[in-house]
Amino acid sequence: MSEEAVIAAIATELEIAPDAVLLEGEFDKDYGIDSLDYVRLVMAVEVAAGVRIEDKAAAKARNVGDLLRLARESPPAG
């Protein structure tokens, strides 16, 4: 998994520069995304990382760091 590719995918979905993506940035408070936007964000991370993140695990992620950790720990898509 390329962490840079995942950060780039997150930045694209959030419509911000990649260097503005903060690991501790919370999706609702810092980035103002709703649940539908979050689903799209998780899907973009899955594609960028080539993994499948479980829905229950994704629902518990509160910030970018959590989502990156899930991407690293998730099995390859297939």
N, C-alpha and C. Protein backbone atom coordinates (compact mmCIF):
# COMPACT_ATOMS: atom_id res chain seq x y z
N MET A 1 0.84 -1.18 0.00
CA MET A 1 0.00 0.00 0.00
C MET A 1 0.88 1.24 0.00
N SER A 2 0.56 2.17 -0.86
CA SER A 2 1.27 3.44 -0.90
C SER A 2 0.50 4.46 -0.06
N GLU A 3 1.10 4.85 1.06
CA GLU A 3 0.44 5.83 1.93
C GLU A 3 0.23 7.15 1.19
N GLU A 4 1.16 7.51 0.32
CA GLU A 4 1.03 8.75 -0.45
C GLU A 4 -0.18 8.69 -1.36
N ALA A 5 -0.44 7.54 -1.97
CA ALA A 5 -1.60 7.39 -2.85
C ALA A 5 -2.89 7.49 -2.05
N VAL A 6 -2.89 6.93 -0.85
CA VAL A 6 -4.08 7.00 0.00
C VAL A 6 -4.32 8.45 0.43
N ILE A 7 -3.27 9.15 0.85
CA ILE A 7 -3.41 10.56 1.23
C ILE A 7 -3.92 11.38 0.04
N ALA A 8 -3.40 11.10 -1.14
CA ALA A 8 -3.85 11.82 -2.33
C ALA A 8 -5.33 11.56 -2.60
N ALA A 9 -5.77 10.32 -2.42
CA ALA A 9 -7.19 9.99 -2.61
C ALA A 9 -8.06 10.70 -1.59
N ILE A 10 -7.59 10.74 -0.34
CA ILE A 10 -8.33 11.45 0.71
C ILE A 10 -8.42 12.94 0.36
N ALA A 11 -7.30 13.52 -0.06
CA ALA A 11 -7.28 14.94 -0.40
C ALA A 11 -8.24 15.23 -1.55
N THR A 12 -8.26 14.36 -2.54
CA THR A 12 -9.17 14.55 -3.67
C THR A 12 -10.62 14.53 -3.21
N GLU A 13 -10.97 13.56 -2.38
CA GLU A 13 -12.34 13.46 -1.89
C GLU A 13 -12.72 14.65 -1.01
N LEU A 14 -11.76 15.14 -0.23
CA LEU A 14 -12.03 16.28 0.66
C LEU A 14 -11.89 17.61 -0.07
N GLU A 15 -11.40 17.56 -1.29
CA GLU A 15 -11.16 18.74 -2.12
C GLU A 15 -10.21 19.72 -1.44
N ILE A 16 -9.09 19.15 -0.95
CA ILE A 16 -8.04 19.95 -0.34
C ILE A 16 -6.69 19.47 -0.87
N ALA A 17 -5.65 20.23 -0.59
CA ALA A 17 -4.31 19.84 -1.00
C ALA A 17 -3.83 18.67 -0.15
N PRO A 18 -3.04 17.76 -0.73
CA PRO A 18 -2.54 16.62 0.05
C PRO A 18 -1.79 17.03 1.31
N ASP A 19 -1.06 18.13 1.27
CA ASP A 19 -0.33 18.55 2.47
C ASP A 19 -1.24 19.15 3.54
N ALA A 20 -2.52 19.35 3.22
CA ALA A 20 -3.49 19.85 4.20
C ALA A 20 -4.21 18.71 4.92
N VAL A 21 -3.94 17.46 4.50
CA VAL A 21 -4.55 16.30 5.16
C VAL A 21 -3.76 16.02 6.43
N LEU A 22 -4.44 16.10 7.56
CA LEU A 22 -3.81 15.89 8.87
C LEU A 22 -4.22 14.53 9.42
N LEU A 23 -3.25 13.77 9.95
CA LEU A 23 -3.57 12.45 10.51
C LEU A 23 -4.59 12.53 11.63
N GLU A 24 -4.53 13.59 12.42
CA GLU A 24 -5.47 13.73 13.52
C GLU A 24 -6.75 14.46 13.10
N GLY A 25 -6.85 14.83 11.82
CA GLY A 25 -8.03 15.54 11.33
C GLY A 25 -9.27 14.68 11.39
N GLU A 26 -10.27 15.15 12.13
CA GLU A 26 -11.52 14.41 12.28
C GLU A 26 -12.45 14.72 11.11
N PHE A 27 -13.09 13.69 10.60
CA PHE A 27 -13.90 13.83 9.40
C PHE A 27 -15.05 14.80 9.57
N ASP A 28 -15.78 14.71 10.67
CA ASP A 28 -16.93 15.58 10.85
C ASP A 28 -16.53 16.98 11.32
N LYS A 29 -15.68 17.07 12.32
CA LYS A 29 -15.33 18.36 12.90
C LYS A 29 -14.39 19.18 12.03
N ASP A 30 -13.32 18.56 11.54
CA ASP A 30 -12.30 19.29 10.81
C ASP A 30 -12.57 19.40 9.31
N TYR A 31 -13.23 18.39 8.75
CA TYR A 31 -13.45 18.38 7.31
C TYR A 31 -14.90 18.55 6.92
N GLY A 32 -15.81 18.49 7.89
CA GLY A 32 -17.22 18.76 7.65
C GLY A 32 -17.91 17.82 6.67
N ILE A 33 -17.50 16.55 6.65
CA ILE A 33 -18.14 15.63 5.72
C ILE A 33 -19.27 14.87 6.42
N ASP A 34 -20.29 14.56 5.66
CA ASP A 34 -21.42 13.82 6.21
C ASP A 34 -21.22 12.32 5.95
N SER A 35 -22.20 11.53 6.32
CA SER A 35 -22.06 10.08 6.23
C SER A 35 -21.93 9.60 4.78
N LEU A 36 -22.63 10.21 3.86
CA LEU A 36 -22.52 9.81 2.45
C LEU A 36 -21.14 10.15 1.91
N ASP A 37 -20.64 11.34 2.24
CA ASP A 37 -19.29 11.71 1.83
C ASP A 37 -18.26 10.75 2.43
N TYR A 38 -18.50 10.31 3.66
CA TYR A 38 -17.57 9.40 4.32
C TYR A 38 -17.53 8.05 3.60
N VAL A 39 -18.69 7.56 3.17
CA VAL A 39 -18.74 6.30 2.42
C VAL A 39 -17.91 6.43 1.15
N ARG A 40 -18.05 7.54 0.45
CA ARG A 40 -17.27 7.77 -0.77
C ARG A 40 -15.77 7.84 -0.45
N LEU A 41 -15.44 8.47 0.68
CA LEU A 41 -14.05 8.58 1.10
C LEU A 41 -13.45 7.20 1.36
N VAL A 42 -14.17 6.36 2.08
CA VAL A 42 -13.70 5.01 2.37
C VAL A 42 -13.51 4.23 1.07
N MET A 43 -14.44 4.36 0.15
CA MET A 43 -14.33 3.66 -1.13
C MET A 43 -13.09 4.14 -1.90
N ALA A 44 -12.82 5.43 -1.86
CA ALA A 44 -11.64 5.97 -2.54
C ALA A 44 -10.36 5.44 -1.90
N VAL A 45 -10.36 5.32 -0.58
CA VAL A 45 -9.19 4.77 0.13
C VAL A 45 -9.01 3.31 -0.24
N GLU A 46 -10.09 2.56 -0.30
CA GLU A 46 -9.99 1.15 -0.68
C GLU A 46 -9.37 1.00 -2.07
N VAL A 47 -9.80 1.80 -3.01
CA VAL A 47 -9.27 1.73 -4.37
C VAL A 47 -7.79 2.12 -4.37
N ALA A 48 -7.46 3.22 -3.71
CA ALA A 48 -6.07 3.70 -3.70
C ALA A 48 -5.13 2.70 -3.02
N ALA A 49 -5.63 2.03 -1.97
CA ALA A 49 -4.79 1.10 -1.22
C ALA A 49 -4.88 -0.33 -1.75
N GLY A 50 -5.89 -0.61 -2.59
CA GLY A 50 -6.07 -1.96 -3.11
C GLY A 50 -6.53 -2.94 -2.04
N VAL A 51 -7.36 -2.45 -1.10
CA VAL A 51 -7.82 -3.28 0.01
C VAL A 51 -9.34 -3.21 0.12
N ARG A 52 -9.86 -4.05 0.99
CA ARG A 52 -11.29 -4.03 1.33
C ARG A 52 -11.40 -3.78 2.83
N ILE A 53 -11.94 -2.63 3.20
CA ILE A 53 -12.11 -2.26 4.61
C ILE A 53 -13.50 -2.69 5.06
N GLU A 54 -13.56 -3.43 6.16
CA GLU A 54 -14.85 -3.88 6.68
C GLU A 54 -15.70 -2.69 7.10
N ASP A 55 -17.00 -2.77 6.82
CA ASP A 55 -17.91 -1.67 7.12
C ASP A 55 -17.93 -1.32 8.61
N LYS A 56 -17.95 -2.34 9.47
CA LYS A 56 -17.99 -2.08 10.91
C LYS A 56 -16.73 -1.36 11.39
N ALA A 57 -15.59 -1.75 10.85
CA ALA A 57 -14.34 -1.09 11.21
C ALA A 57 -14.31 0.33 10.70
N ALA A 58 -14.77 0.54 9.46
CA ALA A 58 -14.78 1.88 8.87
C ALA A 58 -15.68 2.81 9.67
N ALA A 59 -16.78 2.28 10.20
CA ALA A 59 -17.71 3.11 10.95
C ALA A 59 -17.10 3.63 12.25
N LYS A 60 -16.07 2.97 12.75
CA LYS A 60 -15.44 3.38 14.00
C LYS A 60 -14.31 4.39 13.79
N ALA A 61 -13.85 4.55 12.55
CA ALA A 61 -12.75 5.48 12.28
C ALA A 61 -13.24 6.91 12.45
N ARG A 62 -12.48 7.69 13.21
CA ARG A 62 -12.88 9.07 13.49
C ARG A 62 -11.99 10.10 12.80
N ASN A 63 -10.80 9.66 12.41
CA ASN A 63 -9.88 10.62 11.79
C ASN A 63 -9.07 9.94 10.68
N VAL A 64 -8.29 10.73 10.00
CA VAL A 64 -7.49 10.23 8.87
C VAL A 64 -6.53 9.14 9.32
N GLY A 65 -5.91 9.32 10.47
CA GLY A 65 -4.98 8.31 10.99
C GLY A 65 -5.65 6.97 11.20
N ASP A 66 -6.88 6.98 11.73
CA ASP A 66 -7.63 5.75 11.91
C ASP A 66 -7.87 5.06 10.57
N LEU A 67 -8.25 5.85 9.57
CA LEU A 67 -8.54 5.28 8.26
C LEU A 67 -7.28 4.72 7.60
N LEU A 68 -6.17 5.40 7.76
CA LEU A 68 -4.90 4.88 7.22
C LEU A 68 -4.52 3.57 7.89
N ARG A 69 -4.69 3.49 9.20
CA ARG A 69 -4.40 2.27 9.94
C ARG A 69 -5.26 1.12 9.43
N LEU A 70 -6.54 1.39 9.21
CA LEU A 70 -7.44 0.36 8.69
C LEU A 70 -6.99 -0.10 7.30
N ALA A 71 -6.56 0.84 6.47
CA ALA A 71 -6.11 0.48 5.12
C ALA A 71 -4.88 -0.42 5.20
N ARG A 72 -3.97 -0.12 6.12
CA ARG A 72 -2.77 -0.94 6.28
C ARG A 72 -3.11 -2.35 6.78
N GLU A 73 -4.12 -2.46 7.63
CA GLU A 73 -4.46 -3.74 8.28
C GLU A 73 -5.47 -4.57 7.48
N SER A 74 -6.07 -4.00 6.46
CA SER A 74 -7.13 -4.69 5.72
C SER A 74 -6.56 -5.62 4.67
N PRO A 75 -7.33 -6.67 4.36
CA PRO A 75 -6.86 -7.63 3.35
C PRO A 75 -6.94 -7.03 1.95
N PRO A 76 -6.14 -7.54 1.04
CA PRO A 76 -6.20 -7.07 -0.34
C PRO A 76 -7.59 -7.29 -0.93
N ALA A 77 -8.00 -6.36 -1.79
CA ALA A 77 -9.28 -6.52 -2.49
C ALA A 77 -9.16 -7.66 -3.47
N GLY A 78 -10.25 -8.30 -3.70
CA GLY A 78 -10.12 -9.39 -4.66
C GLY A 78 -11.31 -10.14 -4.80
